């Protein structure tokens, strides 16, 4: 069977059309995954949230001082927790 030039171009366009559909599907899935990750809070732009491998995380005393400064804990709780941290130092 012989095709004229018009049929060849239509066959070529169909292949490119499926490729575009596949590409758009991949883009839509990537956007949905990104939105879900942001909404769930599984991504963080702060490097402090994920310390580098082999390094220690944030200083517990500094975190405790920040919580006390913000008023999240009272002075008695602050002192009790600081003593507990001092007792666990090796």
PDB file of N, CA and C in Angstrom:
ATOM      1  N   UNK A   1       0.836  -1.174   0.000  1.00  0.00           N
ATOM      2  CA  UNK A   1       0.000   0.000   0.000  1.00  0.00           C
ATOM      3  C   UNK A   1       0.881   1.236   0.000  1.00  0.00           C
ATOM      4  N   UNK A   2       0.557   2.180  -0.784  1.00  0.00           N
ATOM      5  CA  UNK A   2       1.368   3.395  -0.878  1.00  0.00           C
ATOM      6  C   UNK A   2       0.609   4.558  -0.247  1.00  0.00           C
ATOM      7  N   UNK A   3       1.372   5.392   0.429  1.00  0.00           N
ATOM      8  CA  UNK A   3       0.781   6.589   1.032  1.00  0.00           C
ATOM      9  C   UNK A   3       1.236   7.801   0.260  1.00  0.00           C
ATOM     10  N   UNK A   4       0.381   8.765   0.226  1.00  0.00           N
ATOM     11  CA  UNK A   4       0.846  10.024  -0.351  1.00  0.00           C
ATOM     12  C   UNK A   4       1.493  10.845   0.766  1.00  0.00           C
ATOM     13  N   UNK A   5       2.031  11.951   0.448  1.00  0.00           N
ATOM     14  CA  UNK A   5       2.739  12.763   1.440  1.00  0.00           C
ATOM     15  C   UNK A   5       1.845  13.181   2.602  1.00  0.00           C
ATOM     16  N   UNK A   6       0.569  13.394   2.344  1.00  0.00           N
ATOM     17  CA  UNK A   6      -0.357  13.793   3.407  1.00  0.00           C
ATOM     18  C   UNK A   6      -0.513  12.725   4.459  1.00  0.00           C
ATOM     19  N   UNK A   7      -0.589  11.461   4.066  1.00  0.00           N
ATOM     20  CA  UNK A   7      -0.729  10.366   5.028  1.00  0.00           C
ATOM     21  C   UNK A   7       0.526  10.211   5.871  1.00  0.00           C
ATOM     22  N   UNK A   8       1.681  10.377   5.264  1.00  0.00           N
ATOM     23  CA  UNK A   8       2.928  10.247   6.032  1.00  0.00           C
ATOM     24  C   UNK A   8       2.993  11.313   7.119  1.00  0.00           C
ATOM     25  N   UNK A   9       2.608  12.516   6.791  1.00  0.00           N
ATOM     26  CA  UNK A   9       2.653  13.581   7.801  1.00  0.00           C
ATOM     27  C   UNK A   9       1.637  13.334   8.898  1.00  0.00           C
ATOM     28  N   UNK A  10       0.483  12.794   8.546  1.00  0.00           N
ATOM     29  CA  UNK A  10      -0.514  12.512   9.584  1.00  0.00           C
ATOM     30  C   UNK A  10      -0.015  11.427  10.525  1.00  0.00           C
ATOM     31  N   UNK A  11       0.647  10.429  10.022  1.00  0.00           N
ATOM     32  CA  UNK A  11       1.209   9.371  10.865  1.00  0.00           C
ATOM     33  C   UNK A  11       2.271   9.961  11.788  1.00  0.00           C
ATOM     34  N   UNK A  12       3.100  10.839  11.247  1.00  0.00           N
ATOM     35  CA  UNK A  12       4.147  11.474  12.053  1.00  0.00           C
ATOM     36  C   UNK A  12       3.529  12.354  13.140  1.00  0.00           C
ATOM     37  N   UNK A  13       2.487  13.091  12.789  1.00  0.00           N
ATOM     38  CA  UNK A  13       1.832  13.964  13.763  1.00  0.00           C
ATOM     39  C   UNK A  13       1.191  13.163  14.886  1.00  0.00           C
ATOM     40  N   UNK A  14       0.663  11.997  14.593  1.00  0.00           N
ATOM     41  CA  UNK A  14       0.057  11.176  15.647  1.00  0.00           C
ATOM     42  C   UNK A  14       1.102  10.714  16.642  1.00  0.00           C
ATOM     43  N   UNK A  15       2.268  10.346  16.177  1.00  0.00           N
ATOM     44  CA  UNK A  15       3.344   9.940  17.083  1.00  0.00           C
ATOM     45  C   UNK A  15       3.766  11.081  17.980  1.00  0.00           C
ATOM     46  N   UNK A  16       3.894  12.257  17.409  1.00  0.00           N
ATOM     47  CA  UNK A  16       4.262  13.429  18.200  1.00  0.00           C
ATOM     48  C   UNK A  16       3.145  13.794  19.169  1.00  0.00           C
ATOM     49  N   UNK A  17       1.900  13.571  18.755  1.00  0.00           N
ATOM     50  CA  UNK A  17       0.761  13.859  19.631  1.00  0.00           C
ATOM     51  C   UNK A  17       0.777  12.995  20.877  1.00  0.00           C
ATOM     52  N   UNK A  18       1.064  11.708  20.711  1.00  0.00           N
ATOM     53  CA  UNK A  18       1.145  10.819  21.875  1.00  0.00           C
ATOM     54  C   UNK A  18       2.302  11.202  22.786  1.00  0.00           C
ATOM     55  N   UNK A  19       3.384  11.638  22.187  1.00  0.00           N
ATOM     56  CA  UNK A  19       4.529  12.080  22.985  1.00  0.00           C
ATOM     57  C   UNK A  19       4.166  13.308  23.809  1.00  0.00           C
ATOM     58  N   UNK A  20       3.436  14.237  23.228  1.00  0.00           N
ATOM     59  CA  UNK A  20       2.997  15.428  23.961  1.00  0.00           C
ATOM     60  C   UNK A  20       2.029  15.068  25.078  1.00  0.00           C
ATOM     61  N   UNK A  21       1.131  14.123  24.827  1.00  0.00           N
ATOM     62  CA  UNK A  21       0.196  13.677  25.862  1.00  0.00           C
ATOM     63  C   UNK A  21       0.966  13.061  27.018  1.00  0.00           C
ATOM     64  N   UNK A  22       1.936  12.231  26.713  1.00  0.00           N
ATOM     65  CA  UNK A  22       2.752  11.607  27.747  1.00  0.00           C
ATOM     66  C   UNK A  22       3.532  12.654  28.541  1.00  0.00           C
ATOM     67  N   UNK A  23       4.106  13.616  27.852  1.00  0.00           N
ATOM     68  CA  UNK A  23       4.858  14.682  28.520  1.00  0.00           C
ATOM     69  C   UNK A  23       3.949  15.498  29.438  1.00  0.00           C
ATOM     70  N   UNK A  24       2.770  15.838  28.965  1.00  0.00           N
ATOM     71  CA  UNK A  24       1.826  16.603  29.794  1.00  0.00           C
ATOM     72  C   UNK A  24       1.394  15.791  31.015  1.00  0.00           C
ATOM     73  N   UNK A  25       1.211  14.499  30.850  1.00  0.00           N
ATOM     74  CA  UNK A  25       0.840  13.640  31.967  1.00  0.00           C
ATOM     75  C   UNK A  25       1.942  13.632  33.029  1.00  0.00           C
ATOM     76  N   UNK A  26       3.175  13.548  32.606  1.00  0.00           N
ATOM     77  CA  UNK A  26       4.312  13.566  33.537  1.00  0.00           C
ATOM     78  C   UNK A  26       4.361  14.902  34.281  1.00  0.00           C
ATOM     79  N   UNK A  27       4.132  16.002  33.579  1.00  0.00           N
ATOM     80  CA  UNK A  27       4.153  17.328  34.211  1.00  0.00           C
ATOM     81  C   UNK A  27       3.026  17.451  35.237  1.00  0.00           C
ATOM     82  N   UNK A  28       1.839  16.997  34.891  1.00  0.00           N
ATOM     83  CA  UNK A  28       0.705  17.063  35.817  1.00  0.00           C
ATOM     84  C   UNK A  28       0.982  16.234  37.064  1.00  0.00           C
ATOM     85  N   UNK A  29       1.510  15.039  36.899  1.00  0.00           N
ATOM     86  CA  UNK A  29       1.829  14.193  38.051  1.00  0.00           C
ATOM     87  C   UNK A  29       2.888  14.850  38.931  1.00  0.00           C
ATOM     88  N   UNK A  30       3.903  15.446  38.332  1.00  0.00           N
ATOM     89  CA  UNK A  30       4.949  16.121  39.104  1.00  0.00           C
ATOM     90  C   UNK A  30       4.381  17.287  39.903  1.00  0.00           C
ATOM     91  N   UNK A  31       3.486  18.052  39.310  1.00  0.00           N
ATOM     92  CA  UNK A  31       2.870  19.180  40.021  1.00  0.00           C
ATOM     93  C   UNK A  31       2.025  18.677  41.187  1.00  0.00           C
ATOM     94  N   UNK A  32       1.250  17.621  40.973  1.00  0.00           N
ATOM     95  CA  UNK A  32       0.418  17.076  42.042  1.00  0.00           C
ATOM     96  C   UNK A  32       1.287  16.569  43.197  1.00  0.00           C
ATOM     97  N   UNK A  33       2.353  15.868  42.888  1.00  0.00           N
ATOM     98  CA  UNK A  33       3.255  15.365  43.935  1.00  0.00           C
ATOM     99  C   UNK A  33       3.877  16.525  44.709  1.00  0.00           C
ATOM    100  N   UNK A  34       4.287  17.574  44.019  1.00  0.00           N
ATOM    101  CA  UNK A  34       4.889  18.729  44.685  1.00  0.00           C
ATOM    102  C   UNK A  34       3.888  19.424  45.599  1.00  0.00           C
ATOM    103  N   UNK A  35       2.662  19.595  45.131  1.00  0.00           N
ATOM    104  CA  UNK A  35       1.641  20.253  45.954  1.00  0.00           C
ATOM    105  C   UNK A  35       1.330  19.421  47.191  1.00  0.00           C
ATOM    106  N   UNK A  36       1.196  18.118  47.028  1.00  0.00           N
ATOM    107  CA  UNK A  36       0.916  17.250  48.181  1.00  0.00           C
ATOM    108  C   UNK A  36       2.066  17.302  49.183  1.00  0.00           C
ATOM    109  N   UNK A  37       3.305  17.294  48.695  1.00  0.00           N
ATOM    110  CA  UNK A  37       4.458  17.344  49.593  1.00  0.00           C
ATOM    111  C   UNK A  37       4.491  18.660  50.366  1.00  0.00           C
ATOM    112  N   UNK A  38       4.168  19.754  49.715  1.00  0.00           N
ATOM    113  CA  UNK A  38       4.177  21.052  50.389  1.00  0.00           C
ATOM    114  C   UNK A  38       3.060  21.123  51.422  1.00  0.00           C
ATOM    115  N   UNK A  39       1.877  20.646  51.057  1.00  0.00           N
ATOM    116  CA  UNK A  39       0.743  20.695  51.977  1.00  0.00           C
ATOM    117  C   UNK A  39       0.994  19.823  53.198  1.00  0.00           C
ATOM    118  N   UNK A  40       1.574  18.669  53.002  1.00  0.00           N
ATOM    119  CA  UNK A  40       1.848  17.769  54.129  1.00  0.00           C
ATOM    120  C   UNK A  40       3.033  18.211  54.948  1.00  0.00           C
ATOM    121  N   UNK A  41       3.809  19.151  54.423  1.00  0.00           N
ATOM    122  CA  UNK A  41       4.956  19.654  55.159  1.00  0.00           C
ATOM    123  C   UNK A  41       6.142  18.717  55.123  1.00  0.00           C
ATOM    124  N   UNK A  42       6.242  17.874  54.123  1.00  0.00           N
ATOM    125  CA  UNK A  42       7.354  16.941  54.047  1.00  0.00           C
ATOM    126  C   UNK A  42       8.579  17.559  53.415  1.00  0.00           C
ATOM    127  N   UNK A  43       8.439  18.746  52.883  1.00  0.00           N
ATOM    128  CA  UNK A  43       9.596  19.428  52.337  1.00  0.00           C
ATOM    129  C   UNK A  43       9.866  20.650  53.175  1.00  0.00           C
ATOM    130  N   UNK A  44      11.103  21.001  53.288  1.00  0.00           N
ATOM    131  CA  UNK A  44      11.486  22.176  54.052  1.00  0.00           C
ATOM    132  C   UNK A  44      12.605  22.887  53.316  1.00  0.00           C
ATOM    133  N   UNK A  45      12.510  24.186  53.237  1.00  0.00           N
ATOM    134  CA  UNK A  45      13.555  24.966  52.591  1.00  0.00           C
ATOM    135  C   UNK A  45      14.659  25.323  53.573  1.00  0.00           C
ATOM    136  N   UNK A  46      14.425  25.085  54.855  1.00  0.00           N
ATOM    137  CA  UNK A  46      15.400  25.429  55.866  1.00  0.00           C
ATOM    138  C   UNK A  46      16.457  24.341  55.987  1.00  0.00           C
ATOM    139  N   UNK A  47      17.750  24.681  55.812  1.00  0.00           N
ATOM    140  CA  UNK A  47      18.786  23.655  55.969  1.00  0.00           C
ATOM    141  C   UNK A  47      18.907  23.164  57.403  1.00  0.00           C
ATOM    142  N   UNK A  48      18.473  23.964  58.374  1.00  0.00           N
ATOM    143  CA  UNK A  48      18.562  23.554  59.774  1.00  0.00           C
ATOM    144  C   UNK A  48      17.600  22.419  60.089  1.00  0.00           C
ATOM    145  N   UNK A  49      16.551  22.273  59.299  1.00  0.00           N
ATOM    146  CA  UNK A  49      15.584  21.216  59.545  1.00  0.00           C
ATOM    147  C   UNK A  49      16.171  19.843  59.255  1.00  0.00           C
ATOM    148  N   UNK A  50      17.149  19.793  58.377  1.00  0.00           N
ATOM    149  CA  UNK A  50      17.798  18.536  58.009  1.00  0.00           C
ATOM    150  C   UNK A  50      19.304  18.728  58.070  1.00  0.00           C
ATOM    151  N   UNK A  51      19.916  18.444  59.234  1.00  0.00           N
ATOM    152  CA  UNK A  51      21.358  18.631  59.326  1.00  0.00           C
ATOM    153  C   UNK A  51      22.107  17.692  58.382  1.00  0.00           C
ATOM    154  N   UNK A  52      23.290  18.104  58.010  1.00  0.00           N
ATOM    155  CA  UNK A  52      24.104  17.300  57.101  1.00  0.00           C
ATOM    156  C   UNK A  52      24.474  15.975  57.761  1.00  0.00           C
ATOM    157  N   UNK A  53      24.634  14.918  56.981  1.00  0.00           N
ATOM    158  CA  UNK A  53      25.032  13.626  57.551  1.00  0.00           C
ATOM    159  C   UNK A  53      26.372  13.746  58.281  1.00  0.00           C
ATOM    160  N   UNK A  54      26.443  13.111  59.423  1.00  0.00           N
ATOM    161  CA  UNK A  54      27.670  13.136  60.201  1.00  0.00           C
ATOM    162  C   UNK A  54      27.773  14.329  61.138  1.00  0.00           C
ATOM    163  N   UNK A  55      26.807  15.236  61.096  1.00  0.00           N
ATOM    164  CA  UNK A  55      26.822  16.389  61.995  1.00  0.00           C
ATOM    165  C   UNK A  55      25.694  16.262  62.989  1.00  0.00           C
ATOM    166  N   UNK A  56      25.828  16.971  64.068  1.00  0.00           N
ATOM    167  CA  UNK A  56      24.780  16.957  65.078  1.00  0.00           C
ATOM    168  C   UNK A  56      23.647  17.881  64.668  1.00  0.00           C
ATOM    169  N   UNK A  57      22.499  17.619  65.214  1.00  0.00           N
ATOM    170  CA  UNK A  57      21.341  18.467  64.954  1.00  0.00           C
ATOM    171  C   UNK A  57      21.431  19.749  65.767  1.00  0.00           C
ATOM    172  N   UNK A  58      20.343  20.456  65.881  1.00  0.00           N
ATOM    173  CA  UNK A  58      20.341  21.703  66.642  1.00  0.00           C
ATOM    174  C   UNK A  58      20.616  21.454  68.118  1.00  0.00           C
ATOM    175  N   UNK A  59      21.204  22.438  68.756  1.00  0.00           N
ATOM    176  CA  UNK A  59      21.561  22.340  70.171  1.00  0.00           C
ATOM    177  C   UNK A  59      20.291  22.327  71.022  1.00  0.00           C
ATOM    178  N   UNK A  60      20.091  21.285  71.835  1.00  0.00           N
ATOM    179  CA  UNK A  60      18.868  21.205  72.636  1.00  0.00           C
ATOM    180  C   UNK A  60      18.731  22.357  73.628  1.00  0.00           C
ATOM    181  N   UNK A  61      19.846  22.848  74.149  1.00  0.00           N
ATOM    182  CA  UNK A  61      19.777  23.970  75.086  1.00  0.00           C
ATOM    183  C   UNK A  61      19.291  25.244  74.390  1.00  0.00           C
ATOM    184  N   UNK A  62      19.765  25.450  73.177  1.00  0.00           N
ATOM    185  CA  UNK A  62      19.338  26.630  72.424  1.00  0.00           C
ATOM    186  C   UNK A  62      17.840  26.542  72.109  1.00  0.00           C
ATOM    187  N   UNK A  63      17.379  25.350  71.779  1.00  0.00           N
ATOM    188  CA  UNK A  63      15.944  25.168  71.512  1.00  0.00           C
ATOM    189  C   UNK A  63      15.139  25.452  72.771  1.00  0.00           C
ATOM    190  N   UNK A  64      15.615  24.946  73.889  1.00  0.00           N
ATOM    191  CA  UNK A  64      14.929  25.163  75.155  1.00  0.00           C
ATOM    192  C   UNK A  64      14.901  26.645  75.516  1.00  0.00           C
ATOM    193  N   UNK A  65      16.006  27.344  75.309  1.00  0.00           N
ATOM    194  CA  UNK A  65      16.048  28.787  75.583  1.00  0.00           C
ATOM    195  C   UNK A  65      15.080  29.549  74.675  1.00  0.00           C
ATOM    196  N   UNK A  66      14.983  29.140  73.422  1.00  0.00           N
ATOM    197  CA  UNK A  66      14.046  29.794  72.503  1.00  0.00           C
ATOM    198  C   UNK A  66      12.599  29.570  72.944  1.00  0.00           C
ATOM    199  N   UNK A  67      12.296  28.355  73.350  1.00  0.00           N
ATOM    200  CA  UNK A  67      10.928  28.061  73.801  1.00  0.00           C
ATOM    201  C   UNK A  67      10.584  28.857  75.052  1.00  0.00           C
ATOM    202  N   UNK A  68      11.556  29.009  75.956  1.00  0.00           N
ATOM    203  CA  UNK A  68      11.337  29.802  77.162  1.00  0.00           C
ATOM    204  C   UNK A  68      11.151  31.274  76.799  1.00  0.00           C
ATOM    205  N   UNK A  69      11.966  31.759  75.880  1.00  0.00           N
ATOM    206  CA  UNK A  69      11.871  33.158  75.460  1.00  0.00           C
ATOM    207  C   UNK A  69      10.528  33.447  74.779  1.00  0.00           C
ATOM    208  N   UNK A  70       9.996  32.493  74.039  1.00  0.00           N
ATOM    209  CA  UNK A  70       8.700  32.694  73.378  1.00  0.00           C
ATOM    210  C   UNK A  70       7.525  32.509  74.336  1.00  0.00           C
ATOM    211  N   UNK A  71       7.801  32.009  75.546  1.00  0.00           N
ATOM    212  CA  UNK A  71       6.729  31.810  76.519  1.00  0.00           C
ATOM    213  C   UNK A  71       6.004  30.483  76.378  1.00  0.00           C
ATOM    214  N   UNK A  72       6.584  29.562  75.642  1.00  0.00           N
ATOM    215  CA  UNK A  72       5.944  28.254  75.464  1.00  0.00           C
ATOM    216  C   UNK A  72       6.032  27.408  76.733  1.00  0.00           C
ATOM    217  N   UNK A  73       7.083  27.640  77.520  1.00  0.00           N
ATOM    218  CA  UNK A  73       7.248  26.921  78.792  1.00  0.00           C
ATOM    219  C   UNK A  73       7.538  27.939  79.882  1.00  0.00           C
ATOM    220  N   UNK A  74       7.175  27.584  81.119  1.00  0.00           N
ATOM    221  CA  UNK A  74       7.430  28.509  82.225  1.00  0.00           C
ATOM    222  C   UNK A  74       8.829  28.288  82.797  1.00  0.00           C
ATOM    223  N   UNK A  75       9.197  29.126  83.750  1.00  0.00           N
ATOM    224  CA  UNK A  75      10.566  29.086  84.283  1.00  0.00           C
ATOM    225  C   UNK A  75      10.867  27.763  84.988  1.00  0.00           C
ATOM    226  N   UNK A  76       9.917  27.258  85.758  1.00  0.00           N
ATOM    227  CA  UNK A  76      10.148  26.002  86.465  1.00  0.00           C
ATOM    228  C   UNK A  76      10.381  24.860  85.465  1.00  0.00           C
ATOM    229  N   UNK A  77       9.561  24.795  84.425  1.00  0.00           N
ATOM    230  CA  UNK A  77       9.724  23.761  83.407  1.00  0.00           C
ATOM    231  C   UNK A  77      11.064  23.929  82.693  1.00  0.00           C
ATOM    232  N   UNK A  78      11.426  25.180  82.415  1.00  0.00           N
ATOM    233  CA  UNK A  78      12.706  25.463  81.765  1.00  0.00           C
ATOM    234  C   UNK A  78      13.875  24.945  82.606  1.00  0.00           C
ATOM    235  N   UNK A  79      13.865  25.285  83.908  1.00  0.00           N
ATOM    236  CA  UNK A  79      14.971  24.857  84.783  1.00  0.00           C
ATOM    237  C   UNK A  79      15.006  23.330  84.928  1.00  0.00           C
ATOM    238  N   UNK A  80      13.843  22.705  85.045  1.00  0.00           N
ATOM    239  CA  UNK A  80      13.777  21.245  85.167  1.00  0.00           C
ATOM    240  C   UNK A  80      14.359  20.575  83.921  1.00  0.00           C
ATOM    241  N   UNK A  81      13.993  21.078  82.772  1.00  0.00           N
ATOM    242  CA  UNK A  81      14.490  20.486  81.530  1.00  0.00           C
ATOM    243  C   UNK A  81      15.980  20.752  81.333  1.00  0.00           C
ATOM    244  N   UNK A  82      16.451  21.927  81.734  1.00  0.00           N
ATOM    245  CA  UNK A  82      17.886  22.218  81.628  1.00  0.00           C
ATOM    246  C   UNK A  82      18.690  21.277  82.526  1.00  0.00           C
ATOM    247  N   UNK A  83      18.180  21.052  83.748  1.00  0.00           N
ATOM    248  CA  UNK A  83      18.869  20.114  84.652  1.00  0.00           C
ATOM    249  C   UNK A  83      18.890  18.709  84.038  1.00  0.00           C
ATOM    250  N   UNK A  84      17.792  18.315  83.440  1.00  0.00           N
ATOM    251  CA  UNK A  84      17.731  16.992  82.811  1.00  0.00           C
ATOM    252  C   UNK A  84      18.757  16.907  81.673  1.00  0.00           C
ATOM    253  N   UNK A  85      18.906  17.981  80.915  1.00  0.00           N
ATOM    254  CA  UNK A  85      19.913  17.978  79.860  1.00  0.00           C
ATOM    255  C   UNK A  85      21.328  17.909  80.430  1.00  0.00           C
ATOM    256  N   UNK A  86      21.556  18.625  81.541  1.00  0.00           N
ATOM    257  CA  UNK A  86      22.879  18.614  82.180  1.00  0.00           C
ATOM    258  C   UNK A  86      23.206  17.219  82.721  1.00  0.00           C
ATOM    259  N   UNK A  87      22.200  16.511  83.204  1.00  0.00           N
ATOM    260  CA  UNK A  87      22.412  15.171  83.748  1.00  0.00           C
ATOM    261  C   UNK A  87      22.713  14.138  82.662  1.00  0.00           C
ATOM    262  N   UNK A  88      22.271  14.390  81.443  1.00  0.00           N
ATOM    263  CA  UNK A  88      22.479  13.420  80.365  1.00  0.00           C
ATOM    264  C   UNK A  88      23.742  13.684  79.559  1.00  0.00           C
ATOM    265  N   UNK A  89      24.482  14.751  79.902  1.00  0.00           N
ATOM    266  CA  UNK A  89      25.717  15.054  79.162  1.00  0.00           C
ATOM    267  C   UNK A  89      26.739  13.982  79.474  1.00  0.00           C
ATOM    268  N   UNK A  90      27.378  13.479  78.428  1.00  0.00           N
ATOM    269  CA  UNK A  90      28.392  12.420  78.646  1.00  0.00           C
ATOM    270  C   UNK A  90      29.764  12.957  78.389  1.00  0.00           C
TER     271      UNK A  90
END
